[in-house]
Amino acid sequence: MSRDERLTALWTAYAHDRTDEAVLLGARIVQDHAGWGPGWNAFACALERQGRLRDADRCFTRSNRCADDPQGLPYRVGWNRFERLVAEAGEALPGDLRGALAEVPVLLADYAAPDLLDGFDEPELLGLFSGRPRAERHLASGDPDPAIHLWRRAHEHACTSMAELRAEIRQTLWHELGHYLGYDEDDLDALGRG
């Protein structure tokens, strides 16, 4: 199995919350490719999800110092700070969009539940809108209630500073709200820059 195939297998195990498998795959990748940043980064994510935070932070640091494709260090925030940043992003919405945000719950978690990632190639989505868009709610009864999901750890992994984190949370929240409202991709891009 190639280095990239191993990495894909690790991320698949990670996304499906099979942390023991992901950690084992990560250990093998870094043993065979000790200077490769993406391998150390993925291994760190698996260790973190397993609850081994000190080991994870050592691996994130190692990933950052690799000669081959070094990765940025995650920007860590506590749970309360993450909640406040999400609230600030919602408060920054124009008035009519703030009203729409009040119609749909925003669910925060450290990691995505595996069933939410079915059909996605990315193991670390920053956010997701689930359910039918507002305009289609009347078309089918029995649909799950709409919700916007945002994940703290994926945001931390994607950002290396508070400024990046604040901007990424805002863009993700606004983007997922746009899905709820039924916006197309051009509208979503404009909303995220708003």
C-alpha atoms as a PDB file:
ATOM      1  CA  MET A   1       0.000   0.000   0.000  1.00  0.00           C
ATOM      2  CA  SER A   2       1.408   3.394  -0.973  1.00  0.00           C
ATOM      3  CA  ARG A   3       1.954   6.236   1.447  1.00  0.00           C
ATOM      4  CA  ASP A   4      -1.103   8.093   0.098  1.00  0.00           C
ATOM      5  CA  GLU A   5      -3.278   4.978   0.256  1.00  0.00           C
ATOM      6  CA  ARG A   6      -2.288   4.479   3.890  1.00  0.00           C
ATOM      7  CA  LEU A   7      -3.138   8.103   4.621  1.00  0.00           C
ATOM      8  CA  THR A   8      -6.548   7.694   2.983  1.00  0.00           C
ATOM      9  CA  ALA A   9      -7.179   4.552   5.048  1.00  0.00           C
ATOM     10  CA  LEU A  10      -6.186   6.416   8.223  1.00  0.00           C
ATOM     11  CA  TRP A  11      -8.560   9.301   7.467  1.00  0.00           C
ATOM     12  CA  THR A  12     -11.378   6.858   6.660  1.00  0.00           C
ATOM     13  CA  ALA A  13     -10.908   5.128  10.020  1.00  0.00           C
ATOM     14  CA  TYR A  14     -10.723   8.539  11.720  1.00  0.00           C
ATOM     15  CA  ALA A  15     -13.932   9.777  10.097  1.00  0.00           C
ATOM     16  CA  HIS A  16     -15.755   6.624  11.194  1.00  0.00           C
ATOM     17  CA  ASP A  17     -14.487   6.998  14.779  1.00  0.00           C
ATOM     18  CA  ARG A  18     -12.392   3.833  14.578  1.00  0.00           C
ATOM     19  CA  THR A  19      -9.621   5.483  16.537  1.00  0.00           C
ATOM     20  CA  ASP A  20      -7.642   2.352  17.433  1.00  0.00           C
ATOM     21  CA  GLU A  21      -7.353   1.494  13.737  1.00  0.00           C
ATOM     22  CA  ALA A  22      -6.502   5.100  12.819  1.00  0.00           C
ATOM     23  CA  VAL A  23      -3.775   5.297  15.479  1.00  0.00           C
ATOM     24  CA  LEU A  24      -2.252   1.999  14.325  1.00  0.00           C
ATOM     25  CA  LEU A  25      -2.228   3.181  10.707  1.00  0.00           C
ATOM     26  CA  GLY A  26      -0.714   6.498  11.793  1.00  0.00           C
ATOM     27  CA  ALA A  27       2.061   4.789  13.726  1.00  0.00           C
ATOM     28  CA  ARG A  28       2.942   2.747  10.649  1.00  0.00           C
ATOM     29  CA  ILE A  29       2.918   5.786   8.362  1.00  0.00           C
ATOM     30  CA  VAL A  30       5.262   7.837  10.558  1.00  0.00           C
ATOM     31  CA  GLN A  31       7.530   4.852  11.106  1.00  0.00           C
ATOM     32  CA  ASP A  32       7.964   4.421   7.351  1.00  0.00           C
ATOM     33  CA  HIS A  33       7.809   8.126   6.392  1.00  0.00           C
ATOM     34  CA  ALA A  34       9.251   9.977   9.389  1.00  0.00           C
ATOM     35  CA  GLY A  35       9.837  13.241   7.518  1.00  0.00           C
ATOM     36  CA  TRP A  36       6.363  13.579   5.985  1.00  0.00           C
ATOM     37  CA  GLY A  37       4.157  16.274   7.540  1.00  0.00           C
ATOM     38  CA  PRO A  38       0.712  14.999   6.436  1.00  0.00           C
ATOM     39  CA  GLY A  39       1.411  11.590   8.004  1.00  0.00           C
ATOM     40  CA  TRP A  40       2.330  13.102  11.371  1.00  0.00           C
ATOM     41  CA  ASN A  41      -0.646  15.473  11.167  1.00  0.00           C
ATOM     42  CA  ALA A  42      -3.148  12.680  10.527  1.00  0.00           C
ATOM     43  CA  PHE A  43      -1.555  10.552  13.257  1.00  0.00           C
ATOM     44  CA  ALA A  44      -1.894  13.525  15.637  1.00  0.00           C
ATOM     45  CA  CYS A  45      -5.571  13.913  14.773  1.00  0.00           C
ATOM     46  CA  ALA A  46      -6.182  10.216  15.463  1.00  0.00           C
ATOM     47  CA  LEU A  47      -4.366  10.404  18.802  1.00  0.00           C
ATOM     48  CA  GLU A  48      -6.319  13.513  19.734  1.00  0.00           C
ATOM     49  CA  ARG A  49      -9.646  11.854  18.924  1.00  0.00           C
ATOM     50  CA  GLN A  50      -8.568   8.927  21.085  1.00  0.00           C
ATOM     51  CA  GLY A  51      -8.088  11.381  23.967  1.00  0.00           C
ATOM     52  CA  ARG A  52      -4.283  11.282  23.978  1.00  0.00           C
ATOM     53  CA  LEU A  53      -3.885  15.057  23.802  1.00  0.00           C
ATOM     54  CA  ARG A  54      -0.231  15.330  24.891  1.00  0.00           C
ATOM     55  CA  ASP A  55       0.838  12.675  22.399  1.00  0.00           C
ATOM     56  CA  ALA A  56      -1.238  14.426  19.741  1.00  0.00           C
ATOM     57  CA  ASP A  57       0.361  17.793  20.426  1.00  0.00           C
ATOM     58  CA  ARG A  58       3.840  16.260  20.142  1.00  0.00           C
ATOM     59  CA  CYS A  59       2.860  14.796  16.771  1.00  0.00           C
ATOM     60  CA  PHE A  60       1.355  18.100  15.584  1.00  0.00           C
ATOM     61  CA  THR A  61       4.671  19.756  16.476  1.00  0.00           C
ATOM     62  CA  ARG A  62       6.582  17.037  14.618  1.00  0.00           C
ATOM     63  CA  SER A  63       4.285  17.538  11.612  1.00  0.00           C
ATOM     64  CA  ASN A  64       5.043  21.254  11.668  1.00  0.00           C
ATOM     65  CA  ARG A  65       8.806  20.618  11.633  1.00  0.00           C
ATOM     66  CA  CYS A  66       8.888  18.042   8.827  1.00  0.00           C
ATOM     67  CA  ALA A  67      11.008  18.745   5.775  1.00  0.00           C
ATOM     68  CA  ASP A  68       8.455  17.114   3.443  1.00  0.00           C
ATOM     69  CA  ASP A  69       5.214  19.145   3.397  1.00  0.00           C
ATOM     70  CA  PRO A  70       5.165  20.581   6.936  1.00  0.00           C
ATOM     71  CA  GLN A  71       1.689  21.232   8.375  1.00  0.00           C
ATOM     72  CA  GLY A  72       0.531  24.206  10.430  1.00  0.00           C
ATOM     73  CA  LEU A  73      -0.013  23.829  14.151  1.00  0.00           C
ATOM     74  CA  PRO A  74      -3.679  23.791  15.163  1.00  0.00           C
ATOM     75  CA  TYR A  75      -4.938  26.861  16.959  1.00  0.00           C
ATOM     76  CA  ARG A  76      -6.488  25.614  20.204  1.00  0.00           C
ATOM     77  CA  VAL A  77      -9.506  27.179  21.879  1.00  0.00           C
ATOM     78  CA  GLY A  78     -11.504  26.053  24.868  1.00  0.00           C
ATOM     79  CA  TRP A  79     -15.105  25.030  24.502  1.00  0.00           C
ATOM     80  CA  ASN A  80     -16.517  28.281  25.938  1.00  0.00           C
ATOM     81  CA  ARG A  81     -14.397  30.371  23.586  1.00  0.00           C
ATOM     82  CA  PHE A  82     -15.545  28.296  20.608  1.00  0.00           C
ATOM     83  CA  GLU A  83     -19.180  28.851  21.620  1.00  0.00           C
ATOM     84  CA  ARG A  84     -18.571  32.607  21.916  1.00  0.00           C
ATOM     85  CA  LEU A  85     -16.895  32.741  18.491  1.00  0.00           C
ATOM     86  CA  VAL A  86     -19.873  30.964  16.919  1.00  0.00           C
ATOM     87  CA  ALA A  87     -22.265  33.352  18.678  1.00  0.00           C
ATOM     88  CA  GLU A  88     -20.226  36.337  17.434  1.00  0.00           C
ATOM     89  CA  ALA A  89     -20.380  34.980  13.883  1.00  0.00           C
ATOM     90  CA  GLY A  90     -24.166  34.718  14.152  1.00  0.00           C
ATOM     91  CA  GLU A  91     -24.454  38.234  15.578  1.00  0.00           C
ATOM     92  CA  ALA A  92     -22.422  39.580  12.638  1.00  0.00           C
ATOM     93  CA  LEU A  93     -25.090  38.399  10.171  1.00  0.00           C
ATOM     94  CA  PRO A  94     -27.329  41.040   8.588  1.00  0.00           C
ATOM     95  CA  GLY A  95     -30.685  41.329  10.389  1.00  0.00           C
ATOM     96  CA  ASP A  96     -32.764  39.235   7.982  1.00  0.00           C
ATOM     97  CA  LEU A  97     -30.210  36.439   8.041  1.00  0.00           C
ATOM     98  CA  ARG A  98     -30.004  36.555  11.861  1.00  0.00           C
ATOM     99  CA  GLY A  99     -33.740  35.907  11.849  1.00  0.00           C
ATOM    100  CA  ALA A 100     -33.247  32.880   9.607  1.00  0.00           C
ATOM    101  CA  LEU A 101     -30.474  31.601  11.880  1.00  0.00           C
ATOM    102  CA  ALA A 102     -32.928  31.675  14.782  1.00  0.00           C
ATOM    103  CA  GLU A 103     -35.080  29.141  12.873  1.00  0.00           C
ATOM    104  CA  VAL A 104     -32.463  26.384  12.787  1.00  0.00           C
ATOM    105  CA  PRO A 105     -30.445  24.977  15.689  1.00  0.00           C
ATOM    106  CA  VAL A 106     -26.678  25.281  15.565  1.00  0.00           C
ATOM    107  CA  LEU A 107     -25.188  22.107  17.043  1.00  0.00           C
ATOM    108  CA  LEU A 108     -21.591  22.231  18.221  1.00  0.00           C
ATOM    109  CA  ALA A 109     -19.371  19.227  18.859  1.00  0.00           C
ATOM    110  CA  ASP A 110     -15.714  18.334  18.841  1.00  0.00           C
ATOM    111  CA  TYR A 111     -16.113  15.770  16.046  1.00  0.00           C
ATOM    112  CA  ALA A 112     -18.692  14.821  13.446  1.00  0.00           C
ATOM    113  CA  ALA A 113     -20.721  11.698  14.091  1.00  0.00           C
ATOM    114  CA  PRO A 114     -19.709   9.139  11.447  1.00  0.00           C
ATOM    115  CA  ASP A 115     -23.196   8.962   9.932  1.00  0.00           C
ATOM    116  CA  LEU A 116     -23.094  12.690   9.158  1.00  0.00           C
ATOM    117  CA  LEU A 117     -20.005  12.184   6.999  1.00  0.00           C
ATOM    118  CA  ASP A 118     -21.535   9.479   4.787  1.00  0.00           C
ATOM    119  CA  GLY A 119     -21.107  10.524   1.176  1.00  0.00           C
ATOM    120  CA  PHE A 120     -18.295  12.999   1.858  1.00  0.00           C
ATOM    121  CA  ASP A 121     -14.688  12.449   0.841  1.00  0.00           C
ATOM    122  CA  GLU A 122     -13.322  14.819   3.465  1.00  0.00           C
ATOM    123  CA  PRO A 123     -12.835  13.298   6.930  1.00  0.00           C
ATOM    124  CA  GLU A 124     -12.787  16.696   8.617  1.00  0.00           C
ATOM    125  CA  LEU A 125     -15.628  18.861   7.465  1.00  0.00           C
ATOM    126  CA  LEU A 126     -15.799  22.157   9.307  1.00  0.00           C
ATOM    127  CA  GLY A 127     -19.563  22.226   9.237  1.00  0.00           C
ATOM    128  CA  LEU A 128     -22.639  20.720   7.663  1.00  0.00           C
ATOM    129  CA  PHE A 129     -26.270  21.577   7.124  1.00  0.00           C
ATOM    130  CA  SER A 130     -28.526  18.549   7.597  1.00  0.00           C
ATOM    131  CA  GLY A 131     -32.210  18.300   6.712  1.00  0.00           C
ATOM    132  CA  ARG A 132     -34.191  19.923   3.953  1.00  0.00           C
ATOM    133  CA  PRO A 133     -33.704  23.587   3.051  1.00  0.00           C
ATOM    134  CA  ARG A 134     -36.331  25.951   4.406  1.00  0.00           C
ATOM    135  CA  ALA A 135     -38.179  26.298   1.073  1.00  0.00           C
ATOM    136  CA  GLU A 136     -38.507  22.507   0.708  1.00  0.00           C
ATOM    137  CA  ARG A 137     -39.698  21.668   4.223  1.00  0.00           C
ATOM    138  CA  HIS A 138     -43.307  21.431   3.090  1.00  0.00           C
ATOM    139  CA  LEU A 139     -42.519  18.867   0.372  1.00  0.00           C
ATOM    140  CA  ALA A 140     -42.061  15.846   2.604  1.00  0.00           C
ATOM    141  CA  SER A 141     -43.207  15.056   6.083  1.00  0.00           C
ATOM    142  CA  GLY A 142     -41.148  12.928   8.397  1.00  0.00           C
ATOM    143  CA  ASP A 143     -37.862  14.533   7.352  1.00  0.00           C
ATOM    144  CA  PRO A 144     -35.333  15.070  10.122  1.00  0.00           C
ATOM    145  CA  ASP A 145     -35.393  18.554  11.544  1.00  0.00           C
ATOM    146  CA  PRO A 146     -32.890  20.877   9.895  1.00  0.00           C
ATOM    147  CA  ALA A 147     -29.711  21.646  11.808  1.00  0.00           C
ATOM    148  CA  ILE A 148     -26.379  23.355  11.292  1.00  0.00           C
ATOM    149  CA  HIS A 149     -23.423  21.400  12.677  1.00  0.00           C
ATOM    150  CA  LEU A 150     -20.033  22.974  13.456  1.00  0.00           C
ATOM    151  CA  TRP A 151     -17.014  21.037  14.732  1.00  0.00           C
ATOM    152  CA  ARG A 152     -14.432  22.579  17.019  1.00  0.00           C
ATOM    153  CA  ARG A 153     -11.500  20.242  16.394  1.00  0.00           C
ATOM    154  CA  ALA A 154     -11.759  20.510  12.600  1.00  0.00           C
ATOM    155  CA  HIS A 155     -11.748  24.304  12.925  1.00  0.00           C
ATOM    156  CA  GLU A 156      -8.707  24.139  15.208  1.00  0.00           C
ATOM    157  CA  HIS A 157      -6.905  21.874  12.741  1.00  0.00           C
ATOM    158  CA  ALA A 158      -7.660  24.230   9.837  1.00  0.00           C
ATOM    159  CA  CYS A 159      -6.427  27.393  11.562  1.00  0.00           C
ATOM    160  CA  THR A 160      -3.142  28.605  12.987  1.00  0.00           C
ATOM    161  CA  SER A 161      -4.268  31.896  14.586  1.00  0.00           C
ATOM    162  CA  MET A 162      -7.244  33.487  16.310  1.00  0.00           C
ATOM    163  CA  ALA A 163      -7.851  35.701  13.272  1.00  0.00           C
ATOM    164  CA  GLU A 164      -7.994  32.640  10.988  1.00  0.00           C
ATOM    165  CA  LEU A 165     -10.235  30.777  13.428  1.00  0.00           C
ATOM    166  CA  ARG A 166     -12.666  33.678  13.764  1.00  0.00           C
ATOM    167  CA  ALA A 167     -12.862  34.084   9.968  1.00  0.00           C
ATOM    168  CA  GLU A 168     -13.234  30.332   9.357  1.00  0.00           C
ATOM    169  CA  ILE A 169     -16.034  29.962  11.908  1.00  0.00           C
ATOM    170  CA  ARG A 170     -17.857  32.919  10.386  1.00  0.00           C
ATOM    171  CA  GLN A 171     -17.480  31.580   6.852  1.00  0.00           C
ATOM    172  CA  THR A 172     -18.577  28.075   7.862  1.00  0.00           C
ATOM    173  CA  LEU A 173     -21.616  29.234   9.828  1.00  0.00           C
ATOM    174  CA  TRP A 174     -22.739  31.588   7.079  1.00  0.00           C
ATOM    175  CA  HIS A 175     -22.165  28.920   4.410  1.00  0.00           C
ATOM    176  CA  GLU A 176     -24.257  26.314   6.237  1.00  0.00           C
ATOM    177  CA  LEU A 177     -26.986  28.890   6.882  1.00  0.00           C
ATOM    178  CA  GLY A 178     -26.955  29.528   3.152  1.00  0.00           C
ATOM    179  CA  HIS A 179     -27.643  25.827   2.545  1.00  0.00           C
ATOM    180  CA  TYR A 180     -30.611  26.069   4.900  1.00  0.00           C
ATOM    181  CA  LEU A 181     -31.895  29.045   2.908  1.00  0.00           C
ATOM    182  CA  GLY A 182     -31.384  27.205  -0.396  1.00  0.00           C
ATOM    183  CA  TYR A 183     -28.665  29.469  -1.799  1.00  0.00           C
ATOM    184  CA  ASP A 184     -26.606  28.335  -4.785  1.00  0.00           C
ATOM    185  CA  GLU A 185     -22.803  28.234  -4.622  1.00  0.00           C
ATOM    186  CA  ASP A 186     -22.351  31.783  -5.977  1.00  0.00           C
ATOM    187  CA  ASP A 187     -24.747  33.114  -3.356  1.00  0.00           C
ATOM    188  CA  LEU A 188     -22.921  31.075  -0.691  1.00  0.00           C
ATOM    189  CA  ASP A 189     -19.585  32.571  -1.721  1.00  0.00           C
ATOM    190  CA  ALA A 190     -21.021  36.080  -1.436  1.00  0.00           C
ATOM    191  CA  LEU A 191     -22.605  35.253   1.931  1.00  0.00           C
ATOM    192  CA  GLY A 192     -19.314  33.904   3.316  1.00  0.00           C
ATOM    193  CA  ARG A 193     -17.511  37.136   2.407  1.00  0.00           C
ATOM    194  CA  GLY A 194     -20.273  39.347   3.806  1.00  0.00           C
END
